[in-house]
Amino acid sequence: MTGRTLFTATEGGDQLRIELHNRSHLPFTLTCSTRHNGSPAWLELPRRYASARGAKLAATSIIGSGINWHAVPAQPAIGEGK
């Protein structure tokens, strides 16, 4: 499950990412490390967090500490900018 990464942070040696997916019911996902088999571990952030700011607040409440999020610049779509 991958989407467009909006924010990244490092917490306790783990790389955290908030991703935006093309789904109206659960648009944001918190990706937080990998499982024992190498596949990503992720949590769908509740629907009530329907904005990027809300997604950061939700992720911070799940992790349980202040997180310094860094915005990821948007990548142009293939074929844009020609």
PDB file of N, CA and C in Angstrom:
ATOM      1  N   MET A   1       0.852  -1.168   0.000  1.00  0.00           N
ATOM      2  CA  MET A   1       0.000   0.000   0.000  1.00  0.00           C
ATOM      3  C   MET A   1       0.897   1.229   0.000  1.00  0.00           C
ATOM      4  N   THR A   2       1.010   1.895  -1.116  1.00  0.00           N
ATOM      5  CA  THR A   2       1.812   3.106  -1.180  1.00  0.00           C
ATOM      6  C   THR A   2       0.967   4.227  -1.744  1.00  0.00           C
ATOM      7  N   GLY A   3       1.264   5.399  -1.301  1.00  0.00           N
ATOM      8  CA  GLY A   3       0.594   6.592  -1.783  1.00  0.00           C
ATOM      9  C   GLY A   3       1.640   7.678  -1.933  1.00  0.00           C
ATOM     10  N   ARG A   4       1.186   8.891  -2.070  1.00  0.00           N
ATOM     11  CA  ARG A   4       2.111  10.020  -2.183  1.00  0.00           C
ATOM     12  C   ARG A   4       2.523  10.445  -0.780  1.00  0.00           C
ATOM     13  N   THR A   5       3.814  10.434  -0.506  1.00  0.00           N
ATOM     14  CA  THR A   5       4.322  10.805   0.809  1.00  0.00           C
ATOM     15  C   THR A   5       4.231  12.313   0.982  1.00  0.00           C
ATOM     16  N   LEU A   6       3.547  12.742   2.067  1.00  0.00           N
ATOM     17  CA  LEU A   6       3.394  14.162   2.365  1.00  0.00           C
ATOM     18  C   LEU A   6       4.403  14.643   3.397  1.00  0.00           C
ATOM     19  N   PHE A   7       4.636  13.820   4.437  1.00  0.00           N
ATOM     20  CA  PHE A   7       5.513  14.201   5.537  1.00  0.00           C
ATOM     21  C   PHE A   7       6.353  13.005   5.964  1.00  0.00           C
ATOM     22  N   THR A   8       7.561  13.283   6.435  1.00  0.00           N
ATOM     23  CA  THR A   8       8.416  12.243   7.000  1.00  0.00           C
ATOM     24  C   THR A   8       8.943  12.718   8.349  1.00  0.00           C
ATOM     25  N   ALA A   9       9.320  11.764   9.187  1.00  0.00           N
ATOM     26  CA  ALA A   9       9.933  12.053  10.483  1.00  0.00           C
ATOM     27  C   ALA A   9      10.700  10.814  10.910  1.00  0.00           C
ATOM     28  N   THR A  10      11.609  11.003  11.848  1.00  0.00           N
ATOM     29  CA  THR A  10      12.326   9.882  12.437  1.00  0.00           C
ATOM     30  C   THR A  10      12.039   9.892  13.924  1.00  0.00           C
ATOM     31  N   GLU A  11      11.635   8.752  14.445  1.00  0.00           N
ATOM     32  CA  GLU A  11      11.307   8.629  15.865  1.00  0.00           C
ATOM     33  C   GLU A  11      11.869   7.308  16.367  1.00  0.00           C
ATOM     34  N   GLY A  12      12.791   7.369  17.316  1.00  0.00           N
ATOM     35  CA  GLY A  12      13.363   6.157  17.885  1.00  0.00           C
ATOM     36  C   GLY A  12      14.045   5.263  16.867  1.00  0.00           C
ATOM     37  N   GLY A  13      14.639   5.846  15.845  1.00  0.00           N
ATOM     38  CA  GLY A  13      15.319   5.065  14.823  1.00  0.00           C
ATOM     39  C   GLY A  13      14.417   4.570  13.705  1.00  0.00           C
ATOM     40  N   ASP A  14      13.115   4.766  13.824  1.00  0.00           N
ATOM     41  CA  ASP A  14      12.175   4.349  12.782  1.00  0.00           C
ATOM     42  C   ASP A  14      11.827   5.528  11.889  1.00  0.00           C
ATOM     43  N   GLN A  15      11.704   5.265  10.602  1.00  0.00           N
ATOM     44  CA  GLN A  15      11.276   6.271   9.635  1.00  0.00           C
ATOM     45  C   GLN A  15       9.752   6.258   9.582  1.00  0.00           C
ATOM     46  N   LEU A  16       9.121   7.389   9.843  1.00  0.00           N
ATOM     47  CA  LEU A  16       7.671   7.528   9.779  1.00  0.00           C
ATOM     48  C   LEU A  16       7.311   8.314   8.533  1.00  0.00           C
ATOM     49  N   ARG A  17       6.203   7.926   7.884  1.00  0.00           N
ATOM     50  CA  ARG A  17       5.720   8.647   6.711  1.00  0.00           C
ATOM     51  C   ARG A  17       4.206   8.778   6.793  1.00  0.00           C
ATOM     52  N   ILE A  18       3.698   9.961   6.491  1.00  0.00           N
ATOM     53  CA  ILE A  18       2.263  10.150   6.300  1.00  0.00           C
ATOM     54  C   ILE A  18       2.049  10.193   4.801  1.00  0.00           C
ATOM     55  N   GLU A  19       1.199   9.285   4.322  1.00  0.00           N
ATOM     56  CA  GLU A  19       0.945   9.168   2.887  1.00  0.00           C
ATOM     57  C   GLU A  19      -0.509   9.494   2.586  1.00  0.00           C
ATOM     58  N   LEU A  20      -0.729  10.063   1.415  1.00  0.00           N
ATOM     59  CA  LEU A  20      -2.067  10.377   0.927  1.00  0.00           C
ATOM     60  C   LEU A  20      -2.432   9.360  -0.137  1.00  0.00           C
ATOM     61  N   HIS A  21      -3.609   8.764   0.010  1.00  0.00           N
ATOM     62  CA  HIS A  21      -4.090   7.758  -0.935  1.00  0.00           C
ATOM     63  C   HIS A  21      -5.354   8.265  -1.618  1.00  0.00           C
ATOM     64  N   ASN A  22      -5.668   7.726  -2.733  1.00  0.00           N
ATOM     65  CA  ASN A  22      -6.846   8.132  -3.502  1.00  0.00           C
ATOM     66  C   ASN A  22      -8.079   7.371  -3.012  1.00  0.00           C
ATOM     67  N   ARG A  23      -8.407   7.582  -1.731  1.00  0.00           N
ATOM     68  CA  ARG A  23      -9.589   6.959  -1.132  1.00  0.00           C
ATOM     69  C   ARG A  23     -10.314   8.016  -0.321  1.00  0.00           C
ATOM     70  N   SER A  24     -11.602   8.123  -0.490  1.00  0.00           N
ATOM     71  CA  SER A  24     -12.343   9.150   0.235  1.00  0.00           C
ATOM     72  C   SER A  24     -12.619   8.759   1.679  1.00  0.00           C
ATOM     73  N   HIS A  25     -12.750   7.472   1.974  1.00  0.00           N
ATOM     74  CA  HIS A  25     -13.127   7.066   3.330  1.00  0.00           C
ATOM     75  C   HIS A  25     -11.949   7.075   4.309  1.00  0.00           C
ATOM     76  N   LEU A  26     -10.746   6.775   3.891  1.00  0.00           N
ATOM     77  CA  LEU A  26      -9.548   6.821   4.742  1.00  0.00           C
ATOM     78  C   LEU A  26      -8.374   7.336   3.910  1.00  0.00           C
ATOM     79  N   PRO A  27      -8.277   8.655   3.731  1.00  0.00           N
ATOM     80  CA  PRO A  27      -7.288   9.184   2.795  1.00  0.00           C
ATOM     81  C   PRO A  27      -5.839   9.143   3.279  1.00  0.00           C
ATOM     82  N   PHE A  28      -5.603   9.121   4.593  1.00  0.00           N
ATOM     83  CA  PHE A  28      -4.238   9.223   5.104  1.00  0.00           C
ATOM     84  C   PHE A  28      -3.794   7.928   5.771  1.00  0.00           C
ATOM     85  N   THR A  29      -2.522   7.586   5.593  1.00  0.00           N
ATOM     86  CA  THR A  29      -1.929   6.406   6.206  1.00  0.00           C
ATOM     87  C   THR A  29      -0.629   6.809   6.890  1.00  0.00           C
ATOM     88  N   LEU A  30      -0.401   6.254   8.083  1.00  0.00           N
ATOM     89  CA  LEU A  30       0.866   6.421   8.777  1.00  0.00           C
ATOM     90  C   LEU A  30       1.678   5.156   8.547  1.00  0.00           C
ATOM     91  N   THR A  31       2.774   5.268   7.824  1.00  0.00           N
ATOM     92  CA  THR A  31       3.669   4.136   7.595  1.00  0.00           C
ATOM     93  C   THR A  31       4.806   4.263   8.594  1.00  0.00           C
ATOM     94  N   CYS A  32       5.041   3.193   9.334  1.00  0.00           N
ATOM     95  CA  CYS A  32       5.974   3.306  10.458  1.00  0.00           C
ATOM     96  C   CYS A  32       6.830   2.056  10.599  1.00  0.00           C
ATOM     97  N   SER A  33       7.877   1.955   9.815  1.00  0.00           N
ATOM     98  CA  SER A  33       8.836   0.862   9.912  1.00  0.00           C
ATOM     99  C   SER A  33       8.411  -0.300   9.031  1.00  0.00           C
ATOM    100  N   THR A  34       9.020  -1.444   9.253  1.00  0.00           N
ATOM    101  CA  THR A  34       8.702  -2.635   8.473  1.00  0.00           C
ATOM    102  C   THR A  34       8.482  -3.819   9.404  1.00  0.00           C
ATOM    103  N   ARG A  35       7.778  -4.813   8.909  1.00  0.00           N
ATOM    104  CA  ARG A  35       7.544  -6.040   9.665  1.00  0.00           C
ATOM    105  C   ARG A  35       8.752  -6.958   9.529  1.00  0.00           C
ATOM    106  N   HIS A  36       8.707  -8.084  10.216  1.00  0.00           N
ATOM    107  CA  HIS A  36       9.834  -9.027  10.203  1.00  0.00           C
ATOM    108  C   HIS A  36      10.149  -9.558   8.804  1.00  0.00           C
ATOM    109  N   ASN A  37       9.146  -9.579   7.918  1.00  0.00           N
ATOM    110  CA  ASN A  37       9.374 -10.084   6.558  1.00  0.00           C
ATOM    111  C   ASN A  37       9.742  -8.974   5.570  1.00  0.00           C
ATOM    112  N   GLY A  38       9.900  -7.750   6.052  1.00  0.00           N
ATOM    113  CA  GLY A  38      10.308  -6.646   5.194  1.00  0.00           C
ATOM    114  C   GLY A  38       9.170  -5.837   4.600  1.00  0.00           C
ATOM    115  N   SER A  39       7.919  -6.299   4.762  1.00  0.00           N
ATOM    116  CA  SER A  39       6.792  -5.527   4.236  1.00  0.00           C
ATOM    117  C   SER A  39       6.495  -4.361   5.183  1.00  0.00           C
ATOM    118  N   PRO A  40       5.960  -3.252   4.659  1.00  0.00           N
ATOM    119  CA  PRO A  40       5.739  -2.080   5.506  1.00  0.00           C
ATOM    120  C   PRO A  40       4.646  -2.310   6.547  1.00  0.00           C
ATOM    121  N   ALA A  41       4.856  -1.728   7.714  1.00  0.00           N
ATOM    122  CA  ALA A  41       3.834  -1.708   8.760  1.00  0.00           C
ATOM    123  C   ALA A  41       3.142  -0.355   8.661  1.00  0.00           C
ATOM    124  N   TRP A  42       1.832  -0.336   8.630  1.00  0.00           N
ATOM    125  CA  TRP A  42       1.122   0.924   8.462  1.00  0.00           C
ATOM    126  C   TRP A  42      -0.176   0.916   9.246  1.00  0.00           C
ATOM    127  N   LEU A  43      -0.684   2.103   9.519  1.00  0.00           N
ATOM    128  CA  LEU A  43      -1.964   2.302  10.189  1.00  0.00           C
ATOM    129  C   LEU A  43      -2.776   3.285   9.366  1.00  0.00           C
ATOM    130  N   GLU A  44      -4.030   2.965   9.115  1.00  0.00           N
ATOM    131  CA  GLU A  44      -4.902   3.935   8.454  1.00  0.00           C
ATOM    132  C   GLU A  44      -5.378   4.911   9.516  1.00  0.00           C
ATOM    133  N   LEU A  45      -5.162   6.180   9.271  1.00  0.00           N
ATOM    134  CA  LEU A  45      -5.583   7.188  10.232  1.00  0.00           C
ATOM    135  C   LEU A  45      -7.089   7.388  10.110  1.00  0.00           C
ATOM    136  N   PRO A  46      -7.786   7.529  11.241  1.00  0.00           N
ATOM    137  CA  PRO A  46      -9.249   7.610  11.206  1.00  0.00           C
ATOM    138  C   PRO A  46      -9.767   8.714  10.297  1.00  0.00           C
ATOM    139  N   ARG A  47     -10.965   8.495   9.784  1.00  0.00           N
ATOM    140  CA  ARG A  47     -11.575   9.414   8.820  1.00  0.00           C
ATOM    141  C   ARG A  47     -11.719  10.824   9.373  1.00  0.00           C
ATOM    142  N   ARG A  48     -11.943  10.932  10.668  1.00  0.00           N
ATOM    143  CA  ARG A  48     -12.146  12.275  11.232  1.00  0.00           C
ATOM    144  C   ARG A  48     -10.920  13.169  11.035  1.00  0.00           C
ATOM    145  N   TYR A  49      -9.771  12.565  10.740  1.00  0.00           N
ATOM    146  CA  TYR A  49      -8.578  13.335  10.418  1.00  0.00           C
ATOM    147  C   TYR A  49      -8.511  13.461   8.903  1.00  0.00           C
ATOM    148  N   ALA A  50      -9.314  14.357   8.356  1.00  0.00           N
ATOM    149  CA  ALA A  50      -9.491  14.445   6.903  1.00  0.00           C
ATOM    150  C   ALA A  50      -8.647  15.542   6.265  1.00  0.00           C
ATOM    151  N   SER A  51      -7.630  16.016   6.983  1.00  0.00           N
ATOM    152  CA  SER A  51      -6.730  17.016   6.412  1.00  0.00           C
ATOM    153  C   SER A  51      -5.299  16.608   6.746  1.00  0.00           C
ATOM    154  N   ALA A  52      -4.344  17.217   6.076  1.00  0.00           N
ATOM    155  CA  ALA A  52      -2.941  16.902   6.348  1.00  0.00           C
ATOM    156  C   ALA A  52      -2.576  17.283   7.783  1.00  0.00           C
ATOM    157  N   ARG A  53      -3.073  18.406   8.253  1.00  0.00           N
ATOM    158  CA  ARG A  53      -2.804  18.830   9.633  1.00  0.00           C
ATOM    159  C   ARG A  53      -3.393  17.826  10.619  1.00  0.00           C
ATOM    160  N   GLY A  54      -4.613  17.387  10.351  1.00  0.00           N
ATOM    161  CA  GLY A  54      -5.241  16.389  11.202  1.00  0.00           C
ATOM    162  C   GLY A  54      -4.491  15.072  11.195  1.00  0.00           C
ATOM    163  N   ALA A  55      -3.970  14.690  10.043  1.00  0.00           N
ATOM    164  CA  ALA A  55      -3.198  13.450   9.944  1.00  0.00           C
ATOM    165  C   ALA A  55      -1.940  13.532  10.804  1.00  0.00           C
ATOM    166  N   LYS A  56      -1.279  14.696  10.816  1.00  0.00           N
ATOM    167  CA  LYS A  56      -0.097  14.858  11.665  1.00  0.00           C
ATOM    168  C   LYS A  56      -0.474  14.768  13.139  1.00  0.00           C
ATOM    169  N   LEU A  57      -1.595  15.372  13.524  1.00  0.00           N
ATOM    170  CA  LEU A  57      -2.057  15.293  14.912  1.00  0.00           C
ATOM    171  C   LEU A  57      -2.392  13.860  15.302  1.00  0.00           C
ATOM    172  N   ALA A  58      -3.049  13.129  14.409  1.00  0.00           N
ATOM    173  CA  ALA A  58      -3.404  11.736  14.682  1.00  0.00           C
ATOM    174  C   ALA A  58      -2.154  10.888  14.849  1.00  0.00           C
ATOM    175  N   ALA A  59      -1.191  11.064  13.968  1.00  0.00           N
ATOM    176  CA  ALA A  59       0.047  10.290  14.050  1.00  0.00           C
ATOM    177  C   ALA A  59       0.784  10.587  15.350  1.00  0.00           C
ATOM    178  N   THR A  60       0.817  11.848  15.742  1.00  0.00           N
ATOM    179  CA  THR A  60       1.477  12.224  16.987  1.00  0.00           C
ATOM    180  C   THR A  60       0.775  11.598  18.182  1.00  0.00           C
ATOM    181  N   SER A  61      -0.557  11.548  18.172  1.00  0.00           N
ATOM    182  CA  SER A  61      -1.279  10.939  19.293  1.00  0.00           C
ATOM    183  C   SER A  61      -1.066   9.429  19.338  1.00  0.00           C
ATOM    184  N   ILE A  62      -0.889   8.781  18.186  1.00  0.00           N
ATOM    185  CA  ILE A  62      -0.629   7.336  18.150  1.00  0.00           C
ATOM    186  C   ILE A  62       0.776   7.039  18.662  1.00  0.00           C
ATOM    187  N   ILE A  63       1.763   7.803  18.224  1.00  0.00           N
ATOM    188  CA  ILE A  63       3.153   7.576  18.615  1.00  0.00           C
ATOM    189  C   ILE A  63       3.367   7.969  20.072  1.00  0.00           C
ATOM    190  N   GLY A  64       2.662   9.010  20.524  1.00  0.00           N
ATOM    191  CA  GLY A  64       2.706   9.397  21.924  1.00  0.00           C
ATOM    192  C   GLY A  64       3.801  10.375  22.299  1.00  0.00           C
ATOM    193  N   SER A  65       4.345  11.086  21.355  1.00  0.00           N
ATOM    194  CA  SER A  65       5.351  12.097  21.666  1.00  0.00           C
ATOM    195  C   SER A  65       5.339  13.159  20.579  1.00  0.00           C
ATOM    196  N   GLY A  66       6.007  14.267  20.862  1.00  0.00           N
ATOM    197  CA  GLY A  66       6.109  15.313  19.858  1.00  0.00           C
ATOM    198  C   GLY A  66       6.983  14.856  18.697  1.00  0.00           C
ATOM    199  N   ILE A  67       6.512  15.013  17.490  1.00  0.00           N
ATOM    200  CA  ILE A  67       7.239  14.570  16.307  1.00  0.00           C
ATOM    201  C   ILE A  67       7.528  15.780  15.442  1.00  0.00           C
ATOM    202  N   ASN A  68       8.743  15.884  14.963  1.00  0.00           N
ATOM    203  CA  ASN A  68       9.135  16.971  14.079  1.00  0.00           C
ATOM    204  C   ASN A  68       8.949  16.503  12.635  1.00  0.00           C
ATOM    205  N   TRP A  69       7.813  16.845  12.030  1.00  0.00           N
ATOM    206  CA  TRP A  69       7.493  16.404  10.666  1.00  0.00           C
ATOM    207  C   TRP A  69       8.182  17.301   9.651  1.00  0.00           C
ATOM    208  N   HIS A  70       8.625  16.703   8.560  1.00  0.00           N
ATOM    209  CA  HIS A  70       9.245  17.429   7.453  1.00  0.00           C
ATOM    210  C   HIS A  70       8.394  17.215   6.206  1.00  0.00           C
ATOM    211  N   ALA A  71       7.992  18.316   5.564  1.00  0.00           N
ATOM    212  CA  ALA A  71       7.190  18.215   4.341  1.00  0.00           C
ATOM    213  C   ALA A  71       8.043  17.670   3.203  1.00  0.00           C
ATOM    214  N   VAL A  72       7.431  16.825   2.381  1.00  0.00           N
ATOM    215  CA  VAL A  72       8.094  16.258   1.204  1.00  0.00           C
ATOM    216  C   VAL A  72       7.589  17.017  -0.014  1.00  0.00           C
ATOM    217  N   PRO A  73       8.482  17.609  -0.803  1.00  0.00           N
ATOM    218  CA  PRO A  73       8.026  18.345  -1.988  1.00  0.00           C
ATOM    219  C   PRO A  73       7.278  17.423  -2.951  1.00  0.00           C
ATOM    220  N   ALA A  74       6.233  17.960  -3.550  1.00  0.00           N
ATOM    221  CA  ALA A  74       5.447  17.181  -4.518  1.00  0.00           C
ATOM    222  C   ALA A  74       6.283  16.915  -5.760  1.00  0.00           C
ATOM    223  N   GLN A  75       6.206  15.696  -6.250  1.00  0.00           N
ATOM    224  CA  GLN A  75       6.895  15.319  -7.483  1.00  0.00           C
ATOM    225  C   GLN A  75       5.962  15.576  -8.659  1.00  0.00           C
ATOM    226  N   PRO A  76       6.441  16.171  -9.742  1.00  0.00           N
ATOM    227  CA  PRO A  76       5.564  16.381 -10.896  1.00  0.00           C
ATOM    228  C   PRO A  76       5.156  15.044 -11.509  1.00  0.00           C
ATOM    229  N   ALA A  77       3.944  14.999 -12.003  1.00  0.00           N
ATOM    230  CA  ALA A  77       3.456  13.786 -12.664  1.00  0.00           C
ATOM    231  C   ALA A  77       4.239  13.556 -13.948  1.00  0.00           C
ATOM    232  N   ILE A  78       4.288  12.321 -14.374  1.00  0.00           N
ATOM    233  CA  ILE A  78       4.991  11.982 -15.614  1.00  0.00           C
ATOM    234  C   ILE A  78       4.365  12.759 -16.768  1.00  0.00           C
ATOM    235  N   GLY A  79       5.182  13.423 -17.535  1.00  0.00           N
ATOM    236  CA  GLY A  79       4.690  14.192 -18.670  1.00  0.00           C
ATOM    237  C   GLY A  79       4.455  15.657 -18.355  1.00  0.00           C
ATOM    238  N   GLU A  80       4.470  16.036 -17.052  1.00  0.00           N
ATOM    239  CA  GLU A  80       4.289  17.440 -16.692  1.00  0.00           C
ATOM    240  C   GLU A  80       5.599  18.191 -16.869  1.00  0.00           C
ATOM    241  N   GLY A  81       5.509  19.453 -17.146  1.00  0.00           N
ATOM    242  CA  GLY A  81       6.678  20.308 -17.235  1.00  0.00           C
ATOM    243  C   GLY A  81       7.437  20.221 -18.545  1.00  0.00           C
ATOM    244  N   LYS A  82       6.838  19.651 -19.548  1.00  0.00           N
ATOM    245  CA  LYS A  82       7.520  19.572 -20.848  1.00  0.00           C
ATOM    246  C   LYS A  82       7.237  20.797 -21.659  1.00  0.00           C
TER     247      LYS A  82
END
